[in-house]
Amino acid sequence: MEDDELAELRRRRMAQLQGQQMDQQQMEEEKQRAKSAMQMALMQILEPEARERLNTIRLTKPEFAAGVEQQLVMLAQSGRIKQKISDAQLKDLLRQLIPAKKDFNIVRK
């Protein structure tokens, strides 16, 4: 009887682990779909030079680049972007989004 209970517990645990694995795979697939949809939208919004600049920024500041991408896609979806954004326009936008650095000057006496 103990063997039957142990086998039942093992079977339940295996079913639970398989369910978790399926959920994880579905979440990963959803992330990939969202990422590819974002990339397609950015291809329609940005000129090639601007995309290259954004990709370069993504290498150094991934969170900042993701935020910029989300804002660009939201602007395009709301209809506020009428034409492709050039590299110069993206530079201006990035200057507005980057917070001003505080400059500290230490004077020793």
Protein backbone atom coordinates (compact mmCIF):
# COMPACT_ATOMS: atom_id res chain seq x y z
CA MET A 1 0.00 0.00 0.00
CA GLU A 2 2.85 2.41 0.73
CA ASP A 3 4.30 1.67 -2.70
CA ASP A 4 1.00 2.63 -4.29
CA GLU A 5 0.92 5.93 -2.38
CA LEU A 6 4.53 6.65 -3.29
CA ALA A 7 3.84 5.90 -6.95
CA GLU A 8 0.77 8.16 -6.85
CA LEU A 9 2.80 10.99 -5.31
CA ARG A 10 5.48 10.58 -7.97
CA ARG A 11 2.89 10.59 -10.72
CA ARG A 12 1.28 13.77 -9.36
CA ARG A 13 4.66 15.47 -9.01
CA MET A 14 5.62 14.54 -12.58
CA ALA A 15 2.30 15.89 -13.86
CA GLN A 16 2.85 19.11 -11.91
CA LEU A 17 6.38 19.54 -13.29
CA GLN A 18 5.18 18.89 -16.84
CA GLY A 19 2.44 21.49 -16.40
CA GLN A 20 4.95 24.04 -15.16
CA GLN A 21 7.23 23.31 -18.09
CA MET A 22 4.36 23.80 -20.54
CA ASP A 23 3.45 27.12 -18.90
CA GLN A 24 7.05 28.26 -19.06
CA GLN A 25 7.29 27.36 -22.75
CA GLN A 26 4.07 29.26 -23.50
CA MET A 27 5.35 32.32 -21.67
CA GLU A 28 8.64 32.15 -23.58
CA GLU A 29 6.80 31.88 -26.89
CA GLU A 30 4.63 34.86 -25.95
CA LYS A 31 7.74 36.91 -25.14
CA GLN A 32 9.25 35.99 -28.50
CA ARG A 33 6.07 36.98 -30.33
CA ALA A 34 5.93 40.33 -28.53
CA LYS A 35 9.60 40.96 -29.25
CA SER A 36 9.20 40.20 -32.95
CA ALA A 37 6.08 42.40 -33.15
CA MET A 38 8.04 45.23 -31.51
CA GLN A 39 10.90 44.79 -34.00
CA MET A 40 8.51 44.84 -36.95
CA ALA A 41 6.87 48.01 -35.65
CA LEU A 42 10.27 49.66 -35.17
CA MET A 43 11.25 48.73 -38.73
CA GLN A 44 8.21 50.65 -39.94
CA ILE A 45 8.81 53.62 -37.62
CA LEU A 46 12.60 54.14 -37.83
CA GLU A 47 14.97 54.66 -40.72
CA PRO A 48 17.93 52.22 -40.84
CA GLU A 49 20.40 54.69 -39.30
CA ALA A 50 18.06 55.38 -36.40
CA ARG A 51 17.55 51.64 -35.82
CA GLU A 52 21.32 51.18 -35.72
CA ARG A 53 21.64 53.97 -33.16
CA LEU A 54 18.91 52.43 -31.00
CA ASN A 55 20.59 49.03 -31.23
CA THR A 56 23.88 50.59 -30.12
CA ILE A 57 22.14 52.19 -27.17
CA ARG A 58 20.56 48.82 -26.33
CA LEU A 59 24.06 47.36 -25.91
CA THR A 60 25.01 49.90 -23.25
CA LYS A 61 21.66 50.76 -21.65
CA PRO A 62 19.13 47.97 -22.34
CA GLU A 63 16.44 49.32 -19.98
CA PHE A 64 16.61 52.81 -21.45
CA ALA A 65 16.46 51.45 -25.01
CA ALA A 66 13.46 49.28 -24.15
CA GLY A 67 11.67 52.32 -22.75
CA VAL A 68 12.42 54.37 -25.85
CA GLU A 69 11.20 51.54 -28.08
CA GLN A 70 7.95 51.25 -26.14
CA GLN A 71 7.37 54.98 -26.35
CA LEU A 72 8.01 55.01 -30.10
CA VAL A 73 5.62 52.12 -30.70
CA MET A 74 2.94 53.75 -28.54
CA LEU A 75 3.33 57.03 -30.42
CA ALA A 76 3.02 55.21 -33.73
CA GLN A 77 -0.04 53.28 -32.60
CA SER A 78 -1.72 56.46 -31.43
CA GLY A 79 -1.05 58.05 -34.83
CA ARG A 80 1.30 60.76 -33.57
CA ILE A 81 4.13 59.60 -35.84
CA LYS A 82 3.27 60.29 -39.47
CA GLN A 83 6.60 59.48 -41.16
CA LYS A 84 9.72 57.46 -40.47
CA ILE A 85 11.99 58.90 -37.81
CA SER A 86 15.44 59.84 -39.07
CA ASP A 87 18.67 59.53 -37.11
CA ALA A 88 18.71 63.28 -36.40
CA GLN A 89 15.14 63.19 -35.10
CA LEU A 90 15.99 60.21 -32.88
CA LYS A 91 19.01 62.10 -31.51
CA ASP A 92 16.77 65.03 -30.59
CA LEU A 93 14.28 62.69 -28.95
CA LEU A 94 17.04 60.96 -26.97
CA ARG A 95 18.41 64.30 -25.78
CA GLN A 96 14.98 65.13 -24.41
CA LEU A 97 14.61 61.76 -22.68
CA ILE A 98 18.05 61.54 -21.11
CA PRO A 99 18.00 63.24 -17.73
CA ALA A 100 20.39 66.12 -17.28
CA LYS A 101 23.57 65.15 -15.47
CA LYS A 102 24.44 66.99 -12.32
CA ASP A 103 27.91 68.39 -12.33
CA PHE A 104 29.75 68.35 -9.02
CA ASN A 105 32.65 70.65 -8.43
CA ILE A 106 34.73 69.91 -5.35
CA VAL A 107 37.01 72.68 -4.15
CA ARG A 108 39.67 71.79 -1.60
CA LYS A 109 41.21 74.41 0.62
